[in-house]
Amino acid sequence: MGDQSQISATVSLATKERLDRFTESHGLKKNFVVEQALLYFMESRRELPDEALVPTRLVLADAAFDKVVRLLRNPPPPSDALVELMRGRGR
């Protein structure tokens, strides 16, 4: 165990409970899951531009929120460009 080091982090109770349930249900060690998650996170931050990462929390004005709700309930049809992109023929 000479090549290992212990770290400490404070997480919400909800996150800890989710980690506990996840590791238990998948038969994994918490150390393994945390290390893999950190490695994936750091690699994605290295490879992706900052604008590719969506914040986990968005704050919208009431009018903007109402517009999002309307669009989710009644989405517009896809544009021709989107259809082509999804078929693999986009740029």
N, C-alpha and C. Protein backbone atom coordinates (compact mmCIF):
# COMPACT_ATOMS: atom_id res chain seq x y z
N MET A 1 0.82 -1.19 0.00
CA MET A 1 0.00 0.00 0.00
C MET A 1 0.86 1.25 0.00
N GLY A 2 2.11 1.15 -0.39
CA GLY A 2 3.00 2.29 -0.41
C GLY A 2 2.66 3.31 -1.47
N ASP A 3 1.93 2.92 -2.49
CA ASP A 3 1.60 3.85 -3.57
C ASP A 3 0.20 4.43 -3.41
N GLN A 4 -0.35 4.41 -2.22
CA GLN A 4 -1.68 4.94 -1.98
C GLN A 4 -1.62 6.07 -0.97
N SER A 5 -2.60 6.95 -1.07
CA SER A 5 -2.70 8.07 -0.16
C SER A 5 -4.16 8.28 0.18
N GLN A 6 -4.43 8.75 1.36
CA GLN A 6 -5.81 8.98 1.77
C GLN A 6 -6.14 10.45 1.59
N ILE A 7 -7.35 10.71 1.08
CA ILE A 7 -7.84 12.08 0.96
C ILE A 7 -9.10 12.21 1.78
N SER A 8 -9.49 13.44 2.02
CA SER A 8 -10.72 13.68 2.78
C SER A 8 -11.55 14.69 2.01
N ALA A 9 -12.84 14.45 1.97
CA ALA A 9 -13.76 15.38 1.31
C ALA A 9 -15.08 15.38 2.06
N THR A 10 -15.69 16.52 2.13
CA THR A 10 -17.00 16.64 2.75
C THR A 10 -18.04 16.65 1.64
N VAL A 11 -19.03 15.77 1.75
CA VAL A 11 -20.11 15.69 0.77
C VAL A 11 -21.43 15.74 1.52
N SER A 12 -22.48 16.03 0.78
CA SER A 12 -23.80 16.08 1.42
C SER A 12 -24.20 14.68 1.89
N LEU A 13 -25.08 14.63 2.84
CA LEU A 13 -25.59 13.36 3.34
C LEU A 13 -26.27 12.60 2.21
N ALA A 14 -26.99 13.31 1.35
CA ALA A 14 -27.68 12.66 0.23
C ALA A 14 -26.67 11.99 -0.71
N THR A 15 -25.56 12.66 -0.97
CA THR A 15 -24.54 12.08 -1.86
C THR A 15 -23.91 10.86 -1.22
N LYS A 16 -23.62 10.94 0.06
CA LYS A 16 -23.04 9.78 0.75
C LYS A 16 -24.00 8.60 0.72
N GLU A 17 -25.28 8.86 0.93
CA GLU A 17 -26.26 7.78 0.90
C GLU A 17 -26.36 7.16 -0.49
N ARG A 18 -26.30 8.01 -1.52
CA ARG A 18 -26.33 7.48 -2.89
C ARG A 18 -25.09 6.64 -3.17
N LEU A 19 -23.94 7.10 -2.71
CA LEU A 19 -22.70 6.33 -2.89
C LEU A 19 -22.81 4.99 -2.16
N ASP A 20 -23.32 5.02 -0.95
CA ASP A 20 -23.48 3.78 -0.18
C ASP A 20 -24.38 2.79 -0.92
N ARG A 21 -25.53 3.27 -1.40
CA ARG A 21 -26.46 2.39 -2.11
C ARG A 21 -25.84 1.87 -3.41
N PHE A 22 -25.16 2.76 -4.13
CA PHE A 22 -24.55 2.37 -5.41
C PHE A 22 -23.49 1.29 -5.20
N THR A 23 -22.58 1.53 -4.28
CA THR A 23 -21.50 0.56 -4.07
C THR A 23 -22.04 -0.77 -3.55
N GLU A 24 -23.02 -0.70 -2.69
CA GLU A 24 -23.63 -1.92 -2.14
C GLU A 24 -24.32 -2.72 -3.25
N SER A 25 -25.10 -2.03 -4.08
CA SER A 25 -25.86 -2.74 -5.10
C SER A 25 -24.99 -3.29 -6.22
N HIS A 26 -23.82 -2.70 -6.42
CA HIS A 26 -22.92 -3.16 -7.49
C HIS A 26 -21.73 -3.98 -6.97
N GLY A 27 -21.68 -4.16 -5.66
CA GLY A 27 -20.60 -4.95 -5.09
C GLY A 27 -19.23 -4.30 -5.27
N LEU A 28 -19.19 -2.99 -5.17
CA LEU A 28 -17.93 -2.26 -5.37
C LEU A 28 -17.45 -1.65 -4.07
N LYS A 29 -16.17 -1.38 -4.01
CA LYS A 29 -15.59 -0.68 -2.88
C LYS A 29 -15.71 0.81 -3.12
N LYS A 30 -16.01 1.57 -2.06
CA LYS A 30 -16.13 3.02 -2.19
C LYS A 30 -14.84 3.65 -2.70
N ASN A 31 -13.71 3.16 -2.22
CA ASN A 31 -12.42 3.71 -2.66
C ASN A 31 -12.30 3.63 -4.18
N PHE A 32 -12.68 2.50 -4.75
CA PHE A 32 -12.58 2.30 -6.19
C PHE A 32 -13.49 3.28 -6.93
N VAL A 33 -14.75 3.39 -6.48
CA VAL A 33 -15.71 4.27 -7.16
C VAL A 33 -15.26 5.72 -7.08
N VAL A 34 -14.81 6.16 -5.92
CA VAL A 34 -14.38 7.55 -5.77
C VAL A 34 -13.16 7.82 -6.63
N GLU A 35 -12.19 6.93 -6.64
CA GLU A 35 -11.00 7.15 -7.45
C GLU A 35 -11.34 7.18 -8.94
N GLN A 36 -12.17 6.25 -9.39
CA GLN A 36 -12.56 6.25 -10.80
C GLN A 36 -13.32 7.52 -11.17
N ALA A 37 -14.21 7.96 -10.30
CA ALA A 37 -14.98 9.17 -10.56
C ALA A 37 -14.06 10.38 -10.67
N LEU A 38 -13.09 10.47 -9.77
CA LEU A 38 -12.13 11.59 -9.83
C LEU A 38 -11.31 11.55 -11.11
N LEU A 39 -10.85 10.38 -11.49
CA LEU A 39 -10.06 10.25 -12.71
C LEU A 39 -10.87 10.63 -13.94
N TYR A 40 -12.11 10.15 -14.03
CA TYR A 40 -12.98 10.49 -15.16
C TYR A 40 -13.25 11.99 -15.19
N PHE A 41 -13.52 12.57 -14.04
CA PHE A 41 -13.81 14.00 -13.96
C PHE A 41 -12.60 14.82 -14.42
N MET A 42 -11.44 14.50 -13.90
CA MET A 42 -10.24 15.27 -14.27
C MET A 42 -9.90 15.11 -15.74
N GLU A 43 -10.09 13.91 -16.28
CA GLU A 43 -9.81 13.68 -17.70
C GLU A 43 -10.80 14.45 -18.57
N SER A 44 -12.07 14.46 -18.19
CA SER A 44 -13.05 15.20 -18.99
C SER A 44 -12.77 16.69 -18.95
N ARG A 45 -12.33 17.20 -17.80
CA ARG A 45 -11.99 18.63 -17.71
C ARG A 45 -10.77 18.96 -18.56
N ARG A 46 -9.89 18.00 -18.71
CA ARG A 46 -8.70 18.22 -19.52
C ARG A 46 -9.05 18.20 -21.00
N GLU A 47 -9.95 17.31 -21.40
CA GLU A 47 -10.26 17.11 -22.81
C GLU A 47 -11.34 18.04 -23.35
N LEU A 48 -12.29 18.43 -22.52
CA LEU A 48 -13.42 19.22 -22.99
C LEU A 48 -13.22 20.70 -22.71
N PRO A 49 -13.68 21.56 -23.63
CA PRO A 49 -13.62 22.99 -23.35
C PRO A 49 -14.62 23.35 -22.24
N ASP A 50 -14.35 24.43 -21.56
CA ASP A 50 -15.22 24.83 -20.44
C ASP A 50 -16.68 24.97 -20.86
N GLU A 51 -16.92 25.46 -22.09
CA GLU A 51 -18.30 25.67 -22.50
C GLU A 51 -19.06 24.36 -22.75
N ALA A 52 -18.35 23.24 -22.78
CA ALA A 52 -19.02 21.94 -22.96
C ALA A 52 -19.62 21.43 -21.66
N LEU A 53 -19.22 22.01 -20.55
CA LEU A 53 -19.70 21.54 -19.25
C LEU A 53 -20.87 22.40 -18.80
N VAL A 54 -22.00 21.77 -18.62
CA VAL A 54 -23.21 22.46 -18.21
C VAL A 54 -23.24 22.52 -16.69
N PRO A 55 -23.50 23.70 -16.14
CA PRO A 55 -23.58 23.77 -14.68
C PRO A 55 -24.68 22.86 -14.15
N THR A 56 -24.49 22.35 -12.96
CA THR A 56 -25.48 21.44 -12.39
C THR A 56 -26.72 22.18 -11.90
N ARG A 57 -26.63 23.50 -11.84
CA ARG A 57 -27.78 24.28 -11.39
C ARG A 57 -27.92 25.50 -12.28
N LEU A 58 -29.10 25.69 -12.81
CA LEU A 58 -29.39 26.85 -13.64
C LEU A 58 -30.40 27.72 -12.90
N VAL A 59 -30.19 29.01 -12.92
CA VAL A 59 -31.13 29.94 -12.31
C VAL A 59 -31.78 30.73 -13.43
N LEU A 60 -33.10 30.66 -13.51
CA LEU A 60 -33.84 31.33 -14.57
C LEU A 60 -34.80 32.35 -13.99
N ALA A 61 -35.01 33.41 -14.73
CA ALA A 61 -36.07 34.34 -14.38
C ALA A 61 -37.40 33.63 -14.59
N ASP A 62 -38.44 34.11 -13.93
CA ASP A 62 -39.75 33.45 -14.03
C ASP A 62 -40.21 33.31 -15.48
N ALA A 63 -40.05 34.37 -16.28
CA ALA A 63 -40.51 34.32 -17.67
C ALA A 63 -39.73 33.27 -18.47
N ALA A 64 -38.43 33.19 -18.25
CA ALA A 64 -37.62 32.20 -18.96
C ALA A 64 -38.00 30.79 -18.53
N PHE A 65 -38.24 30.60 -17.24
CA PHE A 65 -38.66 29.29 -16.75
C PHE A 65 -39.99 28.87 -17.39
N ASP A 66 -40.93 29.81 -17.44
CA ASP A 66 -42.23 29.52 -18.05
C ASP A 66 -42.06 29.13 -19.52
N LYS A 67 -41.15 29.80 -20.22
CA LYS A 67 -40.91 29.46 -21.62
C LYS A 67 -40.34 28.05 -21.75
N VAL A 68 -39.40 27.69 -20.88
CA VAL A 68 -38.82 26.34 -20.90
C VAL A 68 -39.92 25.30 -20.66
N VAL A 69 -40.78 25.55 -19.70
CA VAL A 69 -41.87 24.62 -19.41
C VAL A 69 -42.77 24.46 -20.63
N ARG A 70 -43.12 25.59 -21.28
CA ARG A 70 -43.98 25.52 -22.48
C ARG A 70 -43.31 24.69 -23.57
N LEU A 71 -42.01 24.91 -23.79
CA LEU A 71 -41.30 24.17 -24.83
C LEU A 71 -41.19 22.69 -24.51
N LEU A 72 -41.03 22.35 -23.24
CA LEU A 72 -40.96 20.94 -22.86
C LEU A 72 -42.31 20.26 -23.03
N ARG A 73 -43.37 20.98 -22.73
CA ARG A 73 -44.70 20.40 -22.87
C ARG A 73 -45.15 20.30 -24.33
N ASN A 74 -44.71 21.24 -25.13
CA ASN A 74 -45.08 21.29 -26.55
C ASN A 74 -43.83 21.57 -27.39
N PRO A 75 -42.96 20.60 -27.53
CA PRO A 75 -41.71 20.85 -28.26
C PRO A 75 -41.97 21.12 -29.74
N PRO A 76 -41.17 22.01 -30.32
CA PRO A 76 -41.31 22.26 -31.75
C PRO A 76 -40.80 21.05 -32.53
N PRO A 77 -41.23 20.89 -33.77
CA PRO A 77 -40.71 19.77 -34.57
C PRO A 77 -39.22 20.00 -34.85
N PRO A 78 -38.48 18.92 -35.06
CA PRO A 78 -37.05 19.08 -35.32
C PRO A 78 -36.83 19.77 -36.67
N SER A 79 -35.77 20.57 -36.73
CA SER A 79 -35.42 21.22 -37.99
C SER A 79 -34.83 20.19 -38.94
N ASP A 80 -34.81 20.53 -40.22
CA ASP A 80 -34.21 19.63 -41.21
C ASP A 80 -32.74 19.36 -40.87
N ALA A 81 -32.05 20.40 -40.42
CA ALA A 81 -30.63 20.25 -40.08
C ALA A 81 -30.45 19.26 -38.93
N LEU A 82 -31.32 19.31 -37.94
CA LEU A 82 -31.23 18.38 -36.81
C LEU A 82 -31.50 16.96 -37.26
N VAL A 83 -32.50 16.78 -38.10
CA VAL A 83 -32.82 15.45 -38.62
C VAL A 83 -31.62 14.88 -39.37
N GLU A 84 -31.01 15.67 -40.21
CA GLU A 84 -29.84 15.22 -40.96
C GLU A 84 -28.68 14.88 -40.02
N LEU A 85 -28.48 15.70 -39.03
CA LEU A 85 -27.40 15.45 -38.07
C LEU A 85 -27.62 14.13 -37.34
N MET A 86 -28.85 13.88 -36.90
CA MET A 86 -29.15 12.66 -36.18
C MET A 86 -29.04 11.42 -37.08
N ARG A 87 -29.21 11.61 -38.36
CA ARG A 87 -29.05 10.49 -39.30
C ARG A 87 -27.59 10.29 -39.69
N GLY A 88 -26.71 11.12 -39.15
CA GLY A 88 -25.29 10.96 -39.42
C GLY A 88 -24.83 11.63 -40.69
N ARG A 89 -25.66 12.49 -41.24
CA ARG A 89 -25.28 13.14 -42.50
C ARG A 89 -25.02 14.62 -42.30
N GLY A 90 -24.97 15.04 -41.06
CA GLY A 90 -24.67 16.46 -40.79
C GLY A 90 -23.19 16.72 -40.96
N ARG A 91 -22.83 17.96 -40.85
CA ARG A 91 -21.42 18.35 -41.03
C ARG A 91 -20.57 17.66 -40.05
